[in-house]
Amino acid sequence: MKRDRSTHDGGGRDGEHHDEYRIRPSESPSLRTVFSVVDATGRDQDELRPLYEVIDPDALDTLVRDSAADVRLTFRYEGCEVRIDDERVRVQVAAAETIDSDPDPPEPE
């Protein structure tokens, strides 16, 4: 299965990168978001908290698919910055969010 993915380095930030994924016409933007974060971080889907705890998946799908205007959304999910428009999902991943990291590191004091 072709993933329609491209990866870019973080522009000088150590270990940071972003991945871009095309949203296929047969896919919902909300599912593409979850699959993109799984792929970009190397984590299992069952390790991620549900997307609905961050954003309403039905509203996301409706807004991206049915809007007459260009839509761009940005939000944080599982330590990643997620940007969505009508054609792609972009996942910005910091080095600390790779598979070998703690998904919820403690806050600095």
N, C-alpha and C. Protein backbone atom coordinates (compact mmCIF):
# COMPACT_ATOMS: atom_id res chain seq x y z
N MET A 1 0.83 -1.18 0.00
CA MET A 1 0.00 0.00 0.00
C MET A 1 0.88 1.25 0.00
N LYS A 2 0.72 2.10 -0.95
CA LYS A 2 1.50 3.32 -1.04
C LYS A 2 1.00 4.32 0.00
N ARG A 3 1.94 4.95 0.71
CA ARG A 3 1.57 5.82 1.81
C ARG A 3 1.42 7.28 1.43
N ASP A 4 1.91 7.69 0.27
CA ASP A 4 1.85 9.09 -0.12
C ASP A 4 2.46 9.96 0.96
N ARG A 5 3.70 9.66 1.32
CA ARG A 5 4.39 10.32 2.43
C ARG A 5 5.67 10.97 1.94
N SER A 6 5.97 12.12 2.51
CA SER A 6 7.29 12.72 2.32
C SER A 6 7.80 13.16 3.67
N THR A 7 9.13 13.09 3.87
CA THR A 7 9.75 13.45 5.14
C THR A 7 10.76 14.56 4.91
N HIS A 8 10.80 15.51 5.85
CA HIS A 8 11.70 16.65 5.77
C HIS A 8 12.38 16.82 7.12
N ASP A 9 13.67 17.24 7.10
CA ASP A 9 14.33 17.46 8.38
C ASP A 9 13.80 18.73 9.03
N GLY A 10 14.21 18.97 10.25
CA GLY A 10 13.67 20.07 11.04
C GLY A 10 14.31 21.41 10.79
N GLY A 11 15.02 21.57 9.71
CA GLY A 11 15.60 22.86 9.41
C GLY A 11 16.65 23.28 10.42
N GLY A 12 17.45 22.31 10.88
CA GLY A 12 18.52 22.64 11.80
C GLY A 12 18.24 22.26 13.24
N ARG A 13 17.02 21.99 13.60
CA ARG A 13 16.73 21.55 14.97
C ARG A 13 17.11 20.09 15.10
N ASP A 14 17.88 19.78 16.10
CA ASP A 14 18.45 18.45 16.27
C ASP A 14 17.37 17.38 16.37
N GLY A 15 17.30 16.50 15.38
CA GLY A 15 16.40 15.36 15.41
C GLY A 15 14.95 15.66 15.08
N GLU A 16 14.61 16.91 14.84
CA GLU A 16 13.21 17.25 14.54
C GLU A 16 12.96 17.07 13.05
N HIS A 17 11.78 16.60 12.72
CA HIS A 17 11.41 16.44 11.32
C HIS A 17 9.90 16.56 11.18
N HIS A 18 9.45 16.69 9.95
CA HIS A 18 8.01 16.61 9.72
C HIS A 18 7.74 15.69 8.54
N ASP A 19 6.62 15.03 8.63
CA ASP A 19 6.17 14.14 7.58
C ASP A 19 4.87 14.69 7.02
N GLU A 20 4.70 14.55 5.72
CA GLU A 20 3.46 14.97 5.07
C GLU A 20 2.80 13.77 4.42
N TYR A 21 1.49 13.70 4.55
CA TYR A 21 0.71 12.58 4.02
C TYR A 21 -0.46 13.14 3.23
N ARG A 22 -0.66 12.61 2.05
CA ARG A 22 -1.80 13.03 1.24
C ARG A 22 -3.06 12.37 1.77
N ILE A 23 -4.13 13.14 1.86
CA ILE A 23 -5.43 12.59 2.25
C ILE A 23 -6.10 12.11 0.96
N ARG A 24 -6.31 10.84 0.86
CA ARG A 24 -6.96 10.27 -0.32
C ARG A 24 -8.45 10.57 -0.28
N PRO A 25 -9.09 10.64 -1.43
CA PRO A 25 -10.54 10.92 -1.46
C PRO A 25 -11.37 9.89 -0.67
N SER A 26 -10.88 8.67 -0.57
CA SER A 26 -11.63 7.63 0.14
C SER A 26 -11.37 7.63 1.65
N GLU A 27 -10.44 8.48 2.13
CA GLU A 27 -10.08 8.51 3.55
C GLU A 27 -10.75 9.66 4.28
N SER A 28 -11.00 9.45 5.55
CA SER A 28 -11.45 10.57 6.38
C SER A 28 -10.21 11.28 6.91
N PRO A 29 -10.23 12.61 6.96
CA PRO A 29 -9.10 13.35 7.50
C PRO A 29 -8.75 12.95 8.93
N SER A 30 -9.76 12.60 9.73
CA SER A 30 -9.47 12.22 11.12
C SER A 30 -8.69 10.91 11.20
N LEU A 31 -9.07 9.92 10.40
CA LEU A 31 -8.32 8.67 10.39
C LEU A 31 -6.92 8.86 9.82
N ARG A 32 -6.80 9.66 8.77
CA ARG A 32 -5.48 9.95 8.20
C ARG A 32 -4.60 10.62 9.25
N THR A 33 -5.18 11.47 10.10
CA THR A 33 -4.42 12.12 11.16
C THR A 33 -3.83 11.09 12.12
N VAL A 34 -4.66 10.17 12.59
CA VAL A 34 -4.19 9.15 13.53
C VAL A 34 -3.12 8.28 12.87
N PHE A 35 -3.37 7.80 11.66
CA PHE A 35 -2.41 6.95 10.97
C PHE A 35 -1.10 7.70 10.70
N SER A 36 -1.19 8.99 10.42
CA SER A 36 0.00 9.79 10.16
C SER A 36 0.85 9.95 11.41
N VAL A 37 0.21 10.19 12.55
CA VAL A 37 0.96 10.31 13.81
C VAL A 37 1.59 8.98 14.18
N VAL A 38 0.87 7.88 13.98
CA VAL A 38 1.43 6.55 14.23
C VAL A 38 2.67 6.35 13.37
N ASP A 39 2.57 6.64 12.10
CA ASP A 39 3.68 6.43 11.18
C ASP A 39 4.85 7.36 11.48
N ALA A 40 4.57 8.62 11.75
CA ALA A 40 5.63 9.61 11.97
C ALA A 40 6.39 9.37 13.27
N THR A 41 5.70 8.89 14.30
CA THR A 41 6.33 8.70 15.61
C THR A 41 6.85 7.28 15.83
N GLY A 42 6.35 6.32 15.05
CA GLY A 42 6.75 4.94 15.24
C GLY A 42 6.05 4.26 16.40
N ARG A 43 5.02 4.89 16.93
CA ARG A 43 4.28 4.31 18.05
C ARG A 43 3.11 3.49 17.52
N ASP A 44 2.61 2.56 18.34
CA ASP A 44 1.44 1.77 17.98
C ASP A 44 0.18 2.60 18.18
N GLN A 45 -0.82 2.34 17.36
CA GLN A 45 -2.07 3.09 17.45
C GLN A 45 -2.71 2.97 18.83
N ASP A 46 -2.61 1.79 19.45
CA ASP A 46 -3.23 1.61 20.77
C ASP A 46 -2.49 2.34 21.88
N GLU A 47 -1.30 2.89 21.59
CA GLU A 47 -0.57 3.69 22.57
C GLU A 47 -1.03 5.15 22.57
N LEU A 48 -1.73 5.56 21.52
CA LEU A 48 -2.17 6.94 21.41
C LEU A 48 -3.50 7.14 22.14
N ARG A 49 -3.67 8.30 22.73
CA ARG A 49 -4.97 8.60 23.31
C ARG A 49 -5.95 8.84 22.16
N PRO A 50 -7.23 8.65 22.40
CA PRO A 50 -8.21 8.84 21.33
C PRO A 50 -8.18 10.27 20.79
N LEU A 51 -8.30 10.39 19.49
CA LEU A 51 -8.28 11.71 18.86
C LEU A 51 -9.39 12.60 19.41
N TYR A 52 -10.54 12.02 19.75
CA TYR A 52 -11.66 12.83 20.24
C TYR A 52 -11.38 13.53 21.56
N GLU A 53 -10.30 13.14 22.25
CA GLU A 53 -9.92 13.87 23.46
C GLU A 53 -9.23 15.19 23.13
N VAL A 54 -8.84 15.36 21.87
CA VAL A 54 -8.13 16.56 21.44
C VAL A 54 -8.99 17.42 20.51
N ILE A 55 -9.69 16.76 19.60
CA ILE A 55 -10.50 17.46 18.60
C ILE A 55 -11.65 16.55 18.20
N ASP A 56 -12.78 17.12 17.85
CA ASP A 56 -13.95 16.34 17.44
C ASP A 56 -13.70 15.77 16.04
N PRO A 57 -13.54 14.45 15.90
CA PRO A 57 -13.23 13.86 14.60
C PRO A 57 -14.30 14.11 13.54
N ASP A 58 -15.58 14.06 13.94
CA ASP A 58 -16.66 14.30 12.97
C ASP A 58 -16.62 15.74 12.47
N ALA A 59 -16.40 16.68 13.38
CA ALA A 59 -16.30 18.09 12.97
C ALA A 59 -15.08 18.30 12.08
N LEU A 60 -13.98 17.66 12.41
CA LEU A 60 -12.76 17.75 11.60
C LEU A 60 -13.04 17.26 10.19
N ASP A 61 -13.64 16.09 10.06
CA ASP A 61 -13.94 15.52 8.75
C ASP A 61 -14.87 16.43 7.95
N THR A 62 -15.91 16.92 8.60
CA THR A 62 -16.87 17.79 7.92
C THR A 62 -16.23 19.09 7.47
N LEU A 63 -15.47 19.69 8.36
CA LEU A 63 -14.83 20.96 8.03
C LEU A 63 -13.86 20.83 6.87
N VAL A 64 -13.03 19.80 6.90
CA VAL A 64 -12.03 19.63 5.85
C VAL A 64 -12.67 19.19 4.53
N ARG A 65 -13.62 18.29 4.57
CA ARG A 65 -14.22 17.74 3.35
C ARG A 65 -15.30 18.63 2.73
N ASP A 66 -16.11 19.29 3.55
CA ASP A 66 -17.30 19.96 3.04
C ASP A 66 -17.20 21.48 2.96
N SER A 67 -16.10 22.05 3.36
CA SER A 67 -15.97 23.50 3.35
C SER A 67 -15.72 24.00 1.93
N ALA A 68 -16.41 25.08 1.56
CA ALA A 68 -16.21 25.68 0.24
C ALA A 68 -14.92 26.51 0.21
N ALA A 69 -14.48 26.95 1.38
CA ALA A 69 -13.26 27.75 1.48
C ALA A 69 -12.06 26.86 1.79
N ASP A 70 -10.87 27.40 1.56
CA ASP A 70 -9.66 26.67 1.96
C ASP A 70 -9.61 26.63 3.49
N VAL A 71 -9.36 25.46 4.03
CA VAL A 71 -9.32 25.27 5.47
C VAL A 71 -7.92 24.82 5.87
N ARG A 72 -7.41 25.42 6.93
CA ARG A 72 -6.14 24.99 7.52
C ARG A 72 -6.34 24.91 9.02
N LEU A 73 -6.05 23.76 9.59
CA LEU A 73 -6.17 23.55 11.03
C LEU A 73 -4.81 23.17 11.58
N THR A 74 -4.52 23.64 12.78
CA THR A 74 -3.30 23.25 13.47
C THR A 74 -3.65 22.95 14.92
N PHE A 75 -3.18 21.81 15.41
CA PHE A 75 -3.40 21.44 16.81
C PHE A 75 -2.31 20.48 17.25
N ARG A 76 -2.20 20.27 18.55
CA ARG A 76 -1.21 19.35 19.12
C ARG A 76 -1.90 18.02 19.43
N TYR A 77 -1.22 16.94 19.07
CA TYR A 77 -1.73 15.60 19.34
C TYR A 77 -0.55 14.70 19.60
N GLU A 78 -0.53 14.11 20.77
CA GLU A 78 0.52 13.17 21.16
C GLU A 78 1.92 13.76 21.00
N GLY A 79 2.07 14.99 21.41
CA GLY A 79 3.37 15.64 21.37
C GLY A 79 3.80 16.13 20.00
N CYS A 80 2.94 16.00 19.02
CA CYS A 80 3.24 16.44 17.65
C CYS A 80 2.38 17.65 17.30
N GLU A 81 2.90 18.49 16.44
CA GLU A 81 2.07 19.54 15.87
C GLU A 81 1.48 18.99 14.58
N VAL A 82 0.16 19.00 14.49
CA VAL A 82 -0.53 18.46 13.33
C VAL A 82 -1.16 19.62 12.57
N ARG A 83 -0.88 19.68 11.28
CA ARG A 83 -1.49 20.70 10.41
C ARG A 83 -2.26 19.97 9.32
N ILE A 84 -3.48 20.39 9.12
CA ILE A 84 -4.34 19.72 8.14
C ILE A 84 -4.92 20.76 7.20
N ASP A 85 -4.93 20.42 5.91
CA ASP A 85 -5.70 21.20 4.95
C ASP A 85 -6.52 20.21 4.13
N ASP A 86 -7.10 20.65 3.05
CA ASP A 86 -8.00 19.78 2.30
C ASP A 86 -7.30 18.65 1.56
N GLU A 87 -5.98 18.68 1.47
CA GLU A 87 -5.28 17.65 0.71
C GLU A 87 -4.25 16.86 1.50
N ARG A 88 -3.80 17.37 2.65
CA ARG A 88 -2.72 16.66 3.34
C ARG A 88 -2.74 16.90 4.84
N VAL A 89 -2.05 15.98 5.52
CA VAL A 89 -1.80 16.08 6.95
C VAL A 89 -0.29 16.22 7.10
N ARG A 90 0.14 17.21 7.87
CA ARG A 90 1.57 17.42 8.13
C ARG A 90 1.78 17.22 9.62
N VAL A 91 2.71 16.33 9.97
CA VAL A 91 2.99 16.01 11.37
C VAL A 91 4.42 16.45 11.67
N GLN A 92 4.55 17.44 12.56
CA GLN A 92 5.86 17.92 13.02
C GLN A 92 6.23 17.11 14.25
N VAL A 93 7.35 16.41 14.17
CA VAL A 93 7.77 15.53 15.25
C VAL A 93 9.10 16.02 15.81
N ALA A 94 9.14 16.21 17.12
CA ALA A 94 10.40 16.55 17.79
C ALA A 94 11.15 15.25 18.07
N ALA A 95 12.46 15.34 18.24
CA ALA A 95 13.28 14.15 18.48
C ALA A 95 12.79 13.38 19.70
N ALA A 96 12.26 14.05 20.69
CA ALA A 96 11.80 13.40 21.92
C ALA A 96 10.55 12.57 21.71
N GLU A 97 9.90 12.66 20.55
CA GLU A 97 8.65 11.95 20.32
C GLU A 97 8.83 10.70 19.47
N THR A 98 10.04 10.21 19.33
CA THR A 98 10.25 9.00 18.55
C THR A 98 9.89 7.78 19.38
N ILE A 99 9.94 6.63 18.78
CA ILE A 99 9.48 5.40 19.41
C ILE A 99 10.19 5.09 20.72
N ASP A 100 11.42 5.50 20.90
CA ASP A 100 12.16 5.18 22.11
C ASP A 100 11.91 6.15 23.25
N SER A 101 11.03 7.11 23.06
CA SER A 101 10.83 8.13 24.10
C SER A 101 9.60 7.83 24.94
N ASP A 102 9.54 8.49 26.08
CA ASP A 102 8.37 8.45 26.95
C ASP A 102 7.31 9.35 26.34
N PRO A 103 6.10 8.85 26.02
CA PRO A 103 5.10 9.67 25.35
C PRO A 103 4.62 10.85 26.19
N ASP A 104 4.72 10.78 27.49
CA ASP A 104 4.28 11.86 28.37
C ASP A 104 5.37 12.18 29.39
N PRO A 105 6.46 12.82 28.96
CA PRO A 105 7.53 13.12 29.91
C PRO A 105 7.06 14.10 30.96
N PRO A 106 7.66 14.07 32.15
CA PRO A 106 7.23 14.98 33.21
C PRO A 106 7.54 16.43 32.84
N GLU A 107 6.70 17.33 33.36
CA GLU A 107 6.90 18.76 33.14
C GLU A 107 8.13 19.22 33.90
N PRO A 108 8.95 20.11 33.29
CA PRO A 108 10.09 20.65 34.03
C PRO A 108 9.61 21.55 35.16
N GLU A 109 10.37 21.55 36.26
CA GLU A 109 9.97 22.37 37.41
C GLU A 109 10.56 23.74 37.34
